[in-house]
Amino acid sequence: MTETVAELKRAGRWAWRIDRVVLVTLLLVFAIWRIEAAQLPESLVFTFDSLLGIAPFLAVSVAFAAGARATGLDRQIARVFAARGSSAIILAAAFGALSPFCSCGVIPIIAGLLGAGVPLPPVMAFWLASPLMDPEMFILMLPVYPLHFVVAKVFAAFALGLFGGWIAHFLVRKPAFNAPLKQAPSGCSAGVMKDNPVVWRFWQQPGRREAFLSEARGTGWFLFKWLTLAFLVESLMIAYLPADGLAALVGDNSFWAVPTAAAVGVPAYLNGYAAIPTVSALIDLGLPAGAGLAFMLAGGVTSIPAAMGVYAIVRWPVLVTYLVLGAFGAVAAGLAYQAALWAL
């Protein structure tokens, strides 16, 4: 009996050593298998394909974040943004609207900037604008949508980043917003080389080389486990909350079509390039263009995998503020664009 109790205690201690995100993922896989076994292969294939598809973008963003930490560039960026003040919000929103980072790939950039001491307002501006538009998406949208729709999305990305940055500027006096970072995804490299100058050939110095590897390993594993869980959840949302079915709820020309489209776009998770043909088809079926824009913006800003990943990094008031700003901005942009179309 004593041996059995001891074995149970050892098993309990071992269970607590398992990463909780990994444990939840395994439990979710088990639940899918037990409740609806036919869905499990589809969810696993979707998760694998999603991870494979986003891997190049994540590799670039992780390398960028780790390189910024190893070279000391992140500290220099923090000093520049802190010195520029309000103009940093404008620069961050403009860079976000034109940057090639996707909503998931921007996570290590956000964590790295906040960990380096970059104030929340420019980070919020970049965070809101970045998932909505990039040069490749701009090119892909041109043959599918009218030019004014594509331009409206570019301006919406910039305006949303600008608006979010200014809201964060007024909220930054609050404790949760003044210290927004809950935990960094990296290992022990945070705080290394705090006041040292930028060294571009970091691989020539063992300490900086180890900082790069530690940052890349920690961030890579952090993103992999969270995105695996997030894509698994997304597969269930696609299976039971299909975007085209939800979009049928907003297929009218009334004023409420735009806010309804934004509300529907949040759980539908229409992010990135997959949204281009889907929203175009919905507009052809009668969805107002302003509602289509709101639908696309809301789905991009409230990306489920990105939101789950960032939830583990920042405090919950910061994440909630980001989501609220994204939803409000999607509605405002959709209404403004629809009003402009009605006025023509």
Foldseek 3Di string as FASTA:
>chain_A
DVVVVVVVVVVVVVVVVPDPLLVVLVVVLVVCCVPPVVLNVVLVVQLVVVCVVCVVLLVVLLLVLLLCLLQVVLLVVQVVQVVVDLVLLLVLLLCLLAPPHALLSCQSVLLSNLLSNRAPLSSLLSNLLNQQHYPVLLVVLPVLDPPVLSVLSSVLSSVLSSVRSVVLVVVCVDPQRVNWWPDHQFDDSRPPCSPPHGDNPSVVDVVSVVSSVRSSVSNVVLLSSLSSSQSSVLSVLCVVPPLVVQLVVLQDDDLCSQLSLLVSLLSNQDTDPNLSVVLSVSVVVRHQSLNSQLSHQSSRQNHRSSLSSCPNTTPPVVSVSSNVSSSVSSSVSSSVVSVVVVVD
